[in-house]
Amino acid sequence: MKKSVLKFVVAIIVIALVVVVNTIQRESDFSIAGGPRVKSLKELNDTTKTSVIAFAQGNITTEESLYQVMTIGNWEHQYSNGLYYGADLVGTVSSQFGIMCPTYDVRAGWIFNSFRLEAKVGNFTRNGVTTSGFDPQYSNFCVLLGESAPVSNAVQLAFISNKTKLYAGHQAGTSFYAFNGNYYAGVEQKISNVTVSGGMDFAENTTGYAAVKWSANNNTITVTGNKLGAEAQNFVLSYVRSNIPVFKGIKMNVGSAFWTQPEKKGLQLVTGFNKGKVTLFAQAGGYMQSKIFTPVGGFGVNYNL
């Protein structure tokens, strides 16, 4: 089973790499992944970009309560010759995780006419294809499943363009410069409305992850496989319909997700209502373990500060 799963991850990476090569051959104007179109060196000026997002969340279910505040910050300075450097930080105060910074990194690179090369050091996530549109507790649950493919004490080199990201690095050592952990590699590629992502960790027991997301007309389907090849491997399948007009600026989103672990599986249903900075959630579902089904229900709120 584990070997077949890892072969599937390799197949995902190979398919994405083939698309990458064809895309590079056909396109001459890429964009930075997650950002604006990559400019030619003649168009670049010295610029500094800063963004800070903060939100507070509360979520009460029949099993537990969650309260947390999270801040996400990004800073980057670009020179006219294409050189840039920056930093990223995610900090949280949570009743579930305590006080922690799951993401903190510094990065530097060079922007070319159609792509950028980047080096990054720190603790960060690799996978941009994750389950979204659900209540705060379920979102945290997906993080614990390993959906974002986090790495720690990592040093990474990456090729980044509009629809393509190729990367390789080393992580999980006692420090980023010790190189006493394990190597990893991965790829993320967008093809029209579909994004494919996959990666592998080359440790004593090779593991990996794979994810696919399709999104169009406010409909999103996401499939993720996390910690593949390990005893804790898991899968998540979700569908979300978002931005459904309801009444005077109020919009609704509905979602359903099925997840499975080796000895546990569950179903999550959610309805969210958004107006301005506030989103209210109502949720229902449950999980099956040892042939016993446990129902779970609750409600939550997300407020953008």
C-alpha atoms as a PDB file:
ATOM      1  CA  MET A   1       0.000   0.000   0.000  1.00  0.00           C
ATOM      2  CA  LYS A   2       2.731   2.461   0.988  1.00  0.00           C
ATOM      3  CA  LYS A   3       4.782   1.723  -2.143  1.00  0.00           C
ATOM      4  CA  SER A   4       1.761   2.247  -4.399  1.00  0.00           C
ATOM      5  CA  VAL A   5       0.987   5.561  -2.682  1.00  0.00           C
ATOM      6  CA  LEU A   6       4.556   6.785  -3.148  1.00  0.00           C
ATOM      7  CA  LYS A   7       4.430   5.733  -6.815  1.00  0.00           C
ATOM      8  CA  PHE A   8       1.309   7.879  -7.119  1.00  0.00           C
ATOM      9  CA  VAL A   9       3.176  10.864  -5.651  1.00  0.00           C
ATOM     10  CA  VAL A  10       6.042  10.313  -8.107  1.00  0.00           C
ATOM     11  CA  ALA A  11       3.534  10.161 -10.980  1.00  0.00           C
ATOM     12  CA  ILE A  12       2.001  13.483  -9.855  1.00  0.00           C
ATOM     13  CA  ILE A  13       5.463  15.105  -9.784  1.00  0.00           C
ATOM     14  CA  VAL A  14       6.441  13.706 -13.202  1.00  0.00           C
ATOM     15  CA  ILE A  15       3.195  14.886 -14.829  1.00  0.00           C
ATOM     16  CA  ALA A  16       3.631  18.350 -13.329  1.00  0.00           C
ATOM     17  CA  LEU A  17       7.255  18.506 -14.499  1.00  0.00           C
ATOM     18  CA  VAL A  18       6.231  17.646 -18.063  1.00  0.00           C
ATOM     19  CA  VAL A  19       3.683  20.442 -17.998  1.00  0.00           C
ATOM     20  CA  VAL A  20       6.317  22.785 -16.547  1.00  0.00           C
ATOM     21  CA  VAL A  21       8.731  22.128 -19.414  1.00  0.00           C
ATOM     22  CA  ASN A  22       6.029  22.618 -22.042  1.00  0.00           C
ATOM     23  CA  THR A  23       4.811  25.789 -20.349  1.00  0.00           C
ATOM     24  CA  ILE A  24       8.303  27.278 -20.207  1.00  0.00           C
ATOM     25  CA  GLN A  25       8.773  26.568 -23.899  1.00  0.00           C
ATOM     26  CA  ARG A  26       5.449  28.171 -24.873  1.00  0.00           C
ATOM     27  CA  GLU A  27       5.231  31.187 -22.586  1.00  0.00           C
ATOM     28  CA  SER A  28       7.570  34.127 -22.450  1.00  0.00           C
ATOM     29  CA  ASP A  29       5.797  36.222 -19.810  1.00  0.00           C
ATOM     30  CA  PHE A  30       5.469  34.547 -16.401  1.00  0.00           C
ATOM     31  CA  SER A  31       4.248  35.953 -13.122  1.00  0.00           C
ATOM     32  CA  ILE A  32       5.570  35.469  -9.633  1.00  0.00           C
ATOM     33  CA  ALA A  33       3.666  32.694  -7.864  1.00  0.00           C
ATOM     34  CA  GLY A  34       1.090  34.301  -5.648  1.00  0.00           C
ATOM     35  CA  GLY A  35       1.921  37.795  -6.918  1.00  0.00           C
ATOM     36  CA  PRO A  36       1.798  40.155  -9.925  1.00  0.00           C
ATOM     37  CA  ARG A  37       3.245  39.612 -13.376  1.00  0.00           C
ATOM     38  CA  VAL A  38       7.032  39.367 -13.405  1.00  0.00           C
ATOM     39  CA  LYS A  39       8.340  42.552 -14.968  1.00  0.00           C
ATOM     40  CA  SER A  40      11.290  42.840 -17.299  1.00  0.00           C
ATOM     41  CA  LEU A  41      14.422  44.251 -15.712  1.00  0.00           C
ATOM     42  CA  LYS A  42      13.836  47.535 -17.541  1.00  0.00           C
ATOM     43  CA  GLU A  43      10.467  47.935 -15.769  1.00  0.00           C
ATOM     44  CA  LEU A  44      11.721  47.236 -12.244  1.00  0.00           C
ATOM     45  CA  ASN A  45      12.182  50.018  -9.708  1.00  0.00           C
ATOM     46  CA  ASP A  46      13.285  49.962  -6.084  1.00  0.00           C
ATOM     47  CA  THR A  47      10.129  49.018  -4.158  1.00  0.00           C
ATOM     48  CA  THR A  48       9.160  47.814  -0.692  1.00  0.00           C
ATOM     49  CA  LYS A  49       6.010  45.764  -0.137  1.00  0.00           C
ATOM     50  CA  THR A  50       4.481  45.069   3.262  1.00  0.00           C
ATOM     51  CA  SER A  51       1.274  43.260   4.170  1.00  0.00           C
ATOM     52  CA  VAL A  52      -0.183  42.370   7.565  1.00  0.00           C
ATOM     53  CA  ILE A  53      -3.395  40.415   8.133  1.00  0.00           C
ATOM     54  CA  ALA A  54      -4.838  39.594  11.543  1.00  0.00           C
ATOM     55  CA  PHE A  55      -8.010  37.768  12.531  1.00  0.00           C
ATOM     56  CA  ALA A  56      -9.692  36.414  15.637  1.00  0.00           C
ATOM     57  CA  GLN A  57     -11.576  33.108  15.705  1.00  0.00           C
ATOM     58  CA  GLY A  58     -13.858  31.305  18.089  1.00  0.00           C
ATOM     59  CA  ASN A  59     -15.392  27.868  17.609  1.00  0.00           C
ATOM     60  CA  ILE A  60     -17.475  25.805  20.034  1.00  0.00           C
ATOM     61  CA  THR A  61     -18.463  22.207  19.289  1.00  0.00           C
ATOM     62  CA  THR A  62     -19.962  19.344  21.277  1.00  0.00           C
ATOM     63  CA  GLU A  63     -16.403  18.068  21.844  1.00  0.00           C
ATOM     64  CA  GLU A  64     -14.229  21.133  22.514  1.00  0.00           C
ATOM     65  CA  SER A  65     -13.857  24.907  22.320  1.00  0.00           C
ATOM     66  CA  LEU A  66     -11.349  26.911  20.306  1.00  0.00           C
ATOM     67  CA  TYR A  67     -10.251  30.534  20.715  1.00  0.00           C
ATOM     68  CA  GLN A  68      -7.352  32.007  18.791  1.00  0.00           C
ATOM     69  CA  VAL A  69      -5.886  35.160  17.272  1.00  0.00           C
ATOM     70  CA  MET A  70      -3.555  34.883  14.300  1.00  0.00           C
ATOM     71  CA  THR A  71      -1.329  37.402  12.507  1.00  0.00           C
ATOM     72  CA  ILE A  72       0.236  36.914   9.071  1.00  0.00           C
ATOM     73  CA  GLY A  73       2.944  39.324   7.928  1.00  0.00           C
ATOM     74  CA  ASN A  74       5.020  39.588   4.756  1.00  0.00           C
ATOM     75  CA  TRP A  75       7.761  42.078   3.866  1.00  0.00           C
ATOM     76  CA  GLU A  76       9.831  42.341   0.678  1.00  0.00           C
ATOM     77  CA  HIS A  77      12.247  44.854  -0.831  1.00  0.00           C
ATOM     78  CA  GLN A  78      13.117  44.783  -4.539  1.00  0.00           C
ATOM     79  CA  TYR A  79      15.999  46.556  -6.280  1.00  0.00           C
ATOM     80  CA  SER A  80      15.898  47.819  -9.848  1.00  0.00           C
ATOM     81  CA  ASN A  81      18.458  45.210 -10.943  1.00  0.00           C
ATOM     82  CA  GLY A  82      16.095  42.367  -9.965  1.00  0.00           C
ATOM     83  CA  LEU A  83      17.642  41.488  -6.615  1.00  0.00           C
ATOM     84  CA  TYR A  84      15.183  41.169  -3.700  1.00  0.00           C
ATOM     85  CA  TYR A  85      14.983  39.978  -0.117  1.00  0.00           C
ATOM     86  CA  GLY A  86      12.153  39.567   2.353  1.00  0.00           C
ATOM     87  CA  ALA A  87      10.692  37.826   5.383  1.00  0.00           C
ATOM     88  CA  ASP A  88       7.467  36.075   6.404  1.00  0.00           C
ATOM     89  CA  LEU A  89       5.895  35.508   9.805  1.00  0.00           C
ATOM     90  CA  VAL A  90       2.804  33.726  11.085  1.00  0.00           C
ATOM     91  CA  GLY A  91       2.132  34.055  14.805  1.00  0.00           C
ATOM     92  CA  THR A  92      -0.782  32.773  16.861  1.00  0.00           C
ATOM     93  CA  VAL A  93      -2.184  32.794  20.377  1.00  0.00           C
ATOM     94  CA  SER A  94      -4.460  29.771  20.526  1.00  0.00           C
ATOM     95  CA  SER A  95      -6.249  27.688  23.121  1.00  0.00           C
ATOM     96  CA  GLN A  96      -5.296  24.670  20.988  1.00  0.00           C
ATOM     97  CA  PHE A  97      -1.687  25.413  20.027  1.00  0.00           C
ATOM     98  CA  GLY A  98      -0.648  27.905  22.704  1.00  0.00           C
ATOM     99  CA  ILE A  99       1.620  30.820  21.790  1.00  0.00           C
ATOM    100  CA  MET A 100       3.709  29.935  18.757  1.00  0.00           C
ATOM    101  CA  CYS A 101       5.117  31.059  15.402  1.00  0.00           C
ATOM    102  CA  PRO A 102       4.634  28.142  12.997  1.00  0.00           C
ATOM    103  CA  THR A 103       6.102  30.209  10.152  1.00  0.00           C
ATOM    104  CA  TYR A 104       9.158  32.459  10.238  1.00  0.00           C
ATOM    105  CA  ASP A 105      11.588  32.686   7.370  1.00  0.00           C
ATOM    106  CA  VAL A 106      13.898  34.983   5.470  1.00  0.00           C
ATOM    107  CA  ARG A 107      14.347  34.773   1.707  1.00  0.00           C
ATOM    108  CA  ALA A 108      16.356  36.351  -1.076  1.00  0.00           C
ATOM    109  CA  GLY A 109      16.436  35.957  -4.818  1.00  0.00           C
ATOM    110  CA  TRP A 110      16.799  37.397  -8.263  1.00  0.00           C
ATOM    111  CA  ILE A 111      14.044  38.318 -10.708  1.00  0.00           C
ATOM    112  CA  PHE A 112      14.740  37.526 -14.358  1.00  0.00           C
ATOM    113  CA  ASN A 113      12.624  38.471 -17.353  1.00  0.00           C
ATOM    114  CA  SER A 114      10.234  35.525 -17.028  1.00  0.00           C
ATOM    115  CA  PHE A 115      10.854  33.925 -13.617  1.00  0.00           C
ATOM    116  CA  ARG A 116      12.637  34.267 -10.285  1.00  0.00           C
ATOM    117  CA  LEU A 117      15.137  32.133  -8.402  1.00  0.00           C
ATOM    118  CA  GLU A 118      14.794  32.178  -4.634  1.00  0.00           C
ATOM    119  CA  ALA A 119      16.593  30.871  -1.551  1.00  0.00           C
ATOM    120  CA  LYS A 120      14.667  30.570   1.714  1.00  0.00           C
ATOM    121  CA  VAL A 121      15.685  29.677   5.270  1.00  0.00           C
ATOM    122  CA  GLY A 122      13.472  28.991   8.299  1.00  0.00           C
ATOM    123  CA  ASN A 123      10.207  27.245   9.185  1.00  0.00           C
ATOM    124  CA  PHE A 124       7.578  27.420   6.448  1.00  0.00           C
ATOM    125  CA  THR A 125       5.009  25.467   4.446  1.00  0.00           C
ATOM    126  CA  ARG A 126       5.515  23.927   1.018  1.00  0.00           C
ATOM    127  CA  ASN A 127       2.031  23.046  -0.207  1.00  0.00           C
ATOM    128  CA  GLY A 128      -0.288  25.824  -1.360  1.00  0.00           C
ATOM    129  CA  VAL A 129      -3.131  23.411  -2.167  1.00  0.00           C
ATOM    130  CA  THR A 130      -5.094  23.023   1.067  1.00  0.00           C
ATOM    131  CA  THR A 131      -8.700  22.594   2.177  1.00  0.00           C
ATOM    132  CA  SER A 132     -10.369  25.974   2.751  1.00  0.00           C
ATOM    133  CA  GLY A 133     -13.814  27.470   3.378  1.00  0.00           C
ATOM    134  CA  PHE A 134     -14.529  25.551   6.592  1.00  0.00           C
ATOM    135  CA  ASP A 135     -14.925  26.431  10.260  1.00  0.00           C
ATOM    136  CA  PRO A 136     -11.810  27.261  12.340  1.00  0.00           C
ATOM    137  CA  GLN A 137     -11.654  23.921  14.179  1.00  0.00           C
ATOM    138  CA  TYR A 138     -11.768  21.900  10.981  1.00  0.00           C
ATOM    139  CA  SER A 139      -9.184  24.179   9.362  1.00  0.00           C
ATOM    140  CA  ASN A 140      -6.851  23.511  12.308  1.00  0.00           C
ATOM    141  CA  PHE A 141      -7.601  19.790  12.010  1.00  0.00           C
ATOM    142  CA  CYS A 142      -6.452  19.838   8.371  1.00  0.00           C
ATOM    143  CA  VAL A 143      -3.238  21.575   9.443  1.00  0.00           C
ATOM    144  CA  LEU A 144      -2.613  18.792  11.970  1.00  0.00           C
ATOM    145  CA  LEU A 145      -3.199  16.241   9.210  1.00  0.00           C
ATOM    146  CA  GLY A 146      -0.219  17.822   7.452  1.00  0.00           C
ATOM    147  CA  GLU A 147      -1.974  19.470   4.502  1.00  0.00           C
ATOM    148  CA  SER A 148       0.385  22.438   4.285  1.00  0.00           C
ATOM    149  CA  ALA A 149       3.487  20.157   4.261  1.00  0.00           C
ATOM    150  CA  PRO A 150       5.446  22.189   6.847  1.00  0.00           C
ATOM    151  CA  VAL A 151       9.236  22.014   7.136  1.00  0.00           C
ATOM    152  CA  SER A 152      11.435  23.142  10.032  1.00  0.00           C
ATOM    153  CA  ASN A 153      15.039  24.354  10.158  1.00  0.00           C
ATOM    154  CA  ALA A 154      14.888  24.274   6.371  1.00  0.00           C
ATOM    155  CA  VAL A 155      17.020  25.733   3.603  1.00  0.00           C
ATOM    156  CA  GLN A 156      15.345  25.706   0.190  1.00  0.00           C
ATOM    157  CA  LEU A 157      16.111  26.715  -3.402  1.00  0.00           C
ATOM    158  CA  ALA A 158      13.171  27.374  -5.734  1.00  0.00           C
ATOM    159  CA  PHE A 159      12.279  28.297  -9.304  1.00  0.00           C
ATOM    160  CA  ILE A 160       9.088  30.394  -9.265  1.00  0.00           C
ATOM    161  CA  SER A 161       6.908  31.701 -12.077  1.00  0.00           C
ATOM    162  CA  ASN A 162       3.244  32.517 -12.607  1.00  0.00           C
ATOM    163  CA  LYS A 163       1.963  28.934 -12.793  1.00  0.00           C
ATOM    164  CA  THR A 164       5.001  26.975 -11.720  1.00  0.00           C
ATOM    165  CA  LYS A 165       7.015  26.329  -8.592  1.00  0.00           C
ATOM    166  CA  LEU A 166       9.883  23.839  -8.413  1.00  0.00           C
ATOM    167  CA  TYR A 167      11.845  23.472  -5.209  1.00  0.00           C
ATOM    168  CA  ALA A 168      14.364  21.314  -3.376  1.00  0.00           C
ATOM    169  CA  GLY A 169      15.807  21.643   0.087  1.00  0.00           C
ATOM    170  CA  HIS A 170      16.936  20.207   3.390  1.00  0.00           C
ATOM    171  CA  GLN A 171      15.006  20.244   6.669  1.00  0.00           C
ATOM    172  CA  ALA A 172      14.459  18.814  10.154  1.00  0.00           C
ATOM    173  CA  GLY A 173      18.056  19.100  11.351  1.00  0.00           C
ATOM    174  CA  THR A 174      19.143  20.646  14.634  1.00  0.00           C
ATOM    175  CA  SER A 175      19.623  23.908  12.678  1.00  0.00           C
ATOM    176  CA  PHE A 176      19.259  24.998   9.066  1.00  0.00           C
ATOM    177  CA  TYR A 177      23.049  24.969   8.517  1.00  0.00           C
ATOM    178  CA  ALA A 178      23.749  21.595  10.215  1.00  0.00           C
ATOM    179  CA  PHE A 179      22.408  19.415   7.343  1.00  0.00           C
ATOM    180  CA  ASN A 180      21.776  16.494   9.682  1.00  0.00           C
ATOM    181  CA  GLY A 181      18.102  16.095   8.758  1.00  0.00           C
ATOM    182  CA  ASN A 182      16.670  14.980   5.421  1.00  0.00           C
ATOM    183  CA  TYR A 183      16.377  16.282   1.855  1.00  0.00           C
ATOM    184  CA  TYR A 184      13.125  16.953   0.040  1.00  0.00           C
ATOM    185  CA  ALA A 185      11.818  18.060  -3.357  1.00  0.00           C
ATOM    186  CA  GLY A 186       8.493  19.093  -4.818  1.00  0.00           C
ATOM    187  CA  VAL A 187       6.532  20.856  -7.511  1.00  0.00           C
ATOM    188  CA  GLU A 188       3.350  22.909  -7.798  1.00  0.00           C
ATOM    189  CA  GLN A 189       1.777  23.600 -11.189  1.00  0.00           C
ATOM    190  CA  LYS A 190      -1.419  25.358 -12.248  1.00  0.00           C
ATOM    191  CA  ILE A 191      -3.092  24.175 -15.444  1.00  0.00           C
ATOM    192  CA  SER A 192      -6.117  26.320 -16.335  1.00  0.00           C
ATOM    193  CA  ASN A 193      -8.561  25.831 -13.399  1.00  0.00           C
ATOM    194  CA  VAL A 194      -6.585  22.947 -11.891  1.00  0.00           C
ATOM    195  CA  THR A 195      -3.611  23.160  -9.517  1.00  0.00           C
ATOM    196  CA  VAL A 196      -1.478  20.059  -8.945  1.00  0.00           C
ATOM    197  CA  SER A 197       1.046  19.777  -6.125  1.00  0.00           C
ATOM    198  CA  GLY A 198       3.313  17.001  -4.884  1.00  0.00           C
ATOM    199  CA  GLY A 199       6.499  16.443  -2.946  1.00  0.00           C
ATOM    200  CA  MET A 200       8.653  13.861  -1.216  1.00  0.00           C
ATOM    201  CA  ASP A 201      10.829  13.712   1.901  1.00  0.00           C
ATOM    202  CA  PHE A 202      13.883  11.515   1.427  1.00  0.00           C
ATOM    203  CA  ALA A 203      14.427  10.280   4.990  1.00  0.00           C
ATOM    204  CA  GLU A 204      15.068   6.769   6.305  1.00  0.00           C
ATOM    205  CA  ASN A 205      11.439   6.071   5.421  1.00  0.00           C
ATOM    206  CA  THR A 206      10.568   8.049   2.290  1.00  0.00           C
ATOM    207  CA  THR A 207       7.216   9.835   2.585  1.00  0.00           C
ATOM    208  CA  GLY A 208       5.356  12.341   0.471  1.00  0.00           C
ATOM    209  CA  TYR A 209       2.245  14.386  -0.175  1.00  0.00           C
ATOM    210  CA  ALA A 210       0.036  15.049  -3.178  1.00  0.00           C
ATOM    211  CA  ALA A 211      -2.825  17.483  -3.723  1.00  0.00           C
ATOM    212  CA  VAL A 212      -5.150  18.559  -6.526  1.00  0.00           C
ATOM    213  CA  LYS A 213      -7.543  21.518  -6.570  1.00  0.00           C
ATOM    214  CA  TRP A 214     -10.158  22.424  -9.184  1.00  0.00           C
ATOM    215  CA  SER A 215     -11.836  25.821  -8.926  1.00  0.00           C
ATOM    216  CA  ALA A 216     -14.317  27.568 -11.235  1.00  0.00           C
ATOM    217  CA  ASN A 217     -17.442  29.728 -10.871  1.00  0.00           C
ATOM    218  CA  ASN A 218     -17.261  29.790  -7.054  1.00  0.00           C
ATOM    219  CA  ASN A 219     -17.005  25.993  -6.911  1.00  0.00           C
ATOM    220  CA  THR A 220     -13.899  24.357  -5.455  1.00  0.00           C
ATOM    221  CA  ILE A 221     -13.011  20.677  -5.180  1.00  0.00           C
ATOM    222  CA  THR A 222      -9.849  19.746  -3.296  1.00  0.00           C
ATOM    223  CA  VAL A 223      -8.214  16.345  -2.791  1.00  0.00           C
ATOM    224  CA  THR A 224      -5.159  16.014  -0.553  1.00  0.00           C
ATOM    225  CA  GLY A 225      -3.022  13.080   0.535  1.00  0.00           C
ATOM    226  CA  ASN A 226      -0.748  13.825   3.492  1.00  0.00           C
ATOM    227  CA  LYS A 227       2.126  11.985   5.211  1.00  0.00           C
ATOM    228  CA  LEU A 228       1.908   9.389   2.443  1.00  0.00           C
ATOM    229  CA  GLY A 229       3.954   6.283   3.059  1.00  0.00           C
ATOM    230  CA  ALA A 230       3.825   6.777   6.849  1.00  0.00           C
ATOM    231  CA  GLU A 231       1.555   5.082   9.357  1.00  0.00           C
ATOM    232  CA  ALA A 232      -0.299   8.371   9.830  1.00  0.00           C
ATOM    233  CA  GLN A 233      -1.066   8.856   6.121  1.00  0.00           C
ATOM    234  CA  ASN A 234      -4.458  10.457   5.488  1.00  0.00           C
ATOM    235  CA  PHE A 235      -6.698  11.757   2.733  1.00  0.00           C
ATOM    236  CA  VAL A 236      -9.172  14.653   2.537  1.00  0.00           C
ATOM    237  CA  LEU A 237     -11.811  15.226  -0.152  1.00  0.00           C
ATOM    238  CA  SER A 238     -13.791  18.473   0.013  1.00  0.00           C
ATOM    239  CA  TYR A 239     -16.265  20.523  -2.011  1.00  0.00           C
ATOM    240  CA  VAL A 240     -17.080  24.171  -1.301  1.00  0.00           C
ATOM    241  CA  ARG A 241     -19.618  26.458  -2.978  1.00  0.00           C
ATOM    242  CA  SER A 242     -18.821  30.070  -2.058  1.00  0.00           C
ATOM    243  CA  ASN A 243     -20.140  33.629  -2.540  1.00  0.00           C
ATOM    244  CA  ILE A 244     -23.812  32.674  -2.733  1.00  0.00           C
ATOM    245  CA  PRO A 245     -25.840  35.939  -2.494  1.00  0.00           C
ATOM    246  CA  VAL A 246     -28.363  35.880   0.351  1.00  0.00           C
ATOM    247  CA  PHE A 247     -29.515  39.340   1.457  1.00  0.00           C
ATOM    248  CA  LYS A 248     -28.145  42.908   1.413  1.00  0.00           C
ATOM    249  CA  GLY A 249     -24.439  42.182   1.212  1.00  0.00           C
ATOM    250  CA  ILE A 250     -24.642  38.880   3.071  1.00  0.00           C
ATOM    251  CA  LYS A 251     -23.096  35.956   1.235  1.00  0.00           C
ATOM    252  CA  MET A 252     -23.187  32.286   2.085  1.00  0.00           C
ATOM    253  CA  ASN A 253     -20.825  29.398   1.468  1.00  0.00           C
ATOM    254  CA  VAL A 254     -21.531  25.704   1.979  1.00  0.00           C
ATOM    255  CA  GLY A 255     -19.043  22.872   2.134  1.00  0.00           C
ATOM    256  CA  SER A 256     -18.692  19.167   2.728  1.00  0.00           C
ATOM    257  CA  ALA A 257     -15.560  17.148   3.399  1.00  0.00           C
ATOM    258  CA  PHE A 258     -14.725  13.490   3.870  1.00  0.00           C
ATOM    259  CA  TRP A 259     -11.460  12.518   5.571  1.00  0.00           C
ATOM    260  CA  THR A 260      -9.841   9.222   6.406  1.00  0.00           C
ATOM    261  CA  GLN A 261      -6.970   8.039   8.596  1.00  0.00           C
ATOM    262  CA  PRO A 262      -5.764   4.449   9.169  1.00  0.00           C
ATOM    263  CA  GLU A 263      -8.183   3.799  12.056  1.00  0.00           C
ATOM    264  CA  LYS A 264     -10.539   6.743  11.841  1.00  0.00           C
ATOM    265  CA  LYS A 265     -12.699   8.484   9.228  1.00  0.00           C
ATOM    266  CA  GLY A 266     -15.165  11.322   9.311  1.00  0.00           C
ATOM    267  CA  LEU A 267     -17.514  13.726   7.570  1.00  0.00           C
ATOM    268  CA  GLN A 268     -17.721  17.512   7.966  1.00  0.00           C
ATOM    269  CA  LEU A 269     -20.586  19.741   6.791  1.00  0.00           C
ATOM    270  CA  VAL A 270     -20.460  23.511   7.154  1.00  0.00           C
ATOM    271  CA  THR A 271     -22.464  26.605   6.290  1.00  0.00           C
ATOM    272  CA  GLY A 272     -20.918  30.056   6.557  1.00  0.00           C
ATOM    273  CA  PHE A 273     -22.477  33.531   6.345  1.00  0.00           C
ATOM    274  CA  ASN A 274     -20.208  36.489   5.551  1.00  0.00           C
ATOM    275  CA  LYS A 275     -20.789  40.232   5.816  1.00  0.00           C
ATOM    276  CA  GLY A 276     -17.862  42.604   5.777  1.00  0.00           C
ATOM    277  CA  LYS A 277     -15.191  41.432   8.199  1.00  0.00           C
ATOM    278  CA  VAL A 278     -17.357  38.839   9.958  1.00  0.00           C
ATOM    279  CA  THR A 279     -18.045  35.224   8.985  1.00  0.00           C
ATOM    280  CA  LEU A 280     -20.366  33.034  11.065  1.00  0.00           C
ATOM    281  CA  PHE A 281     -20.162  29.233  10.775  1.00  0.00           C
ATOM    282  CA  ALA A 282     -22.545  26.415  11.625  1.00  0.00           C
ATOM    283  CA  GLN A 283     -21.170  22.901  11.393  1.00  0.00           C
ATOM    284  CA  ALA A 284     -22.236  19.283  11.691  1.00  0.00           C
ATOM    285  CA  GLY A 285     -20.734  15.884  11.049  1.00  0.00           C
ATOM    286  CA  GLY A 286     -18.911  13.228  12.987  1.00  0.00           C
ATOM    287  CA  TYR A 287     -16.361  10.447  12.839  1.00  0.00           C
ATOM    288  CA  MET A 288     -16.218   6.654  12.881  1.00  0.00           C
ATOM    289  CA  GLN A 289     -13.705   4.877  15.117  1.00  0.00           C
ATOM    290  CA  SER A 290     -13.733   1.241  16.264  1.00  0.00           C
ATOM    291  CA  LYS A 291     -17.109   0.856  14.501  1.00  0.00           C
ATOM    292  CA  ILE A 292     -18.602   3.559  16.712  1.00  0.00           C
ATOM    293  CA  PHE A 293     -19.953   6.767  15.141  1.00  0.00           C
ATOM    294  CA  THR A 294     -19.623   9.960  17.193  1.00  0.00           C
ATOM    295  CA  PRO A 295     -21.700  12.942  15.988  1.00  0.00           C
ATOM    296  CA  VAL A 296     -20.203  16.433  16.291  1.00  0.00           C
ATOM    297  CA  GLY A 297     -21.940  19.795  15.899  1.00  0.00           C
ATOM    298  CA  GLY A 298     -21.196  23.403  16.705  1.00  0.00           C
ATOM    299  CA  PHE A 299     -20.806  26.982  15.581  1.00  0.00           C
ATOM    300  CA  GLY A 300     -17.977  29.467  15.113  1.00  0.00           C
ATOM    301  CA  VAL A 301     -16.971  32.964  14.069  1.00  0.00           C
ATOM    302  CA  ASN A 302     -14.079  34.531  12.176  1.00  0.00           C
ATOM    303  CA  TYR A 303     -13.408  38.275  12.444  1.00  0.00           C
ATOM    304  CA  ASN A 304     -10.810  40.053  10.330  1.00  0.00           C
ATOM    305  CA  LEU A 305      -9.131  42.648  12.538  1.00  0.00           C
END
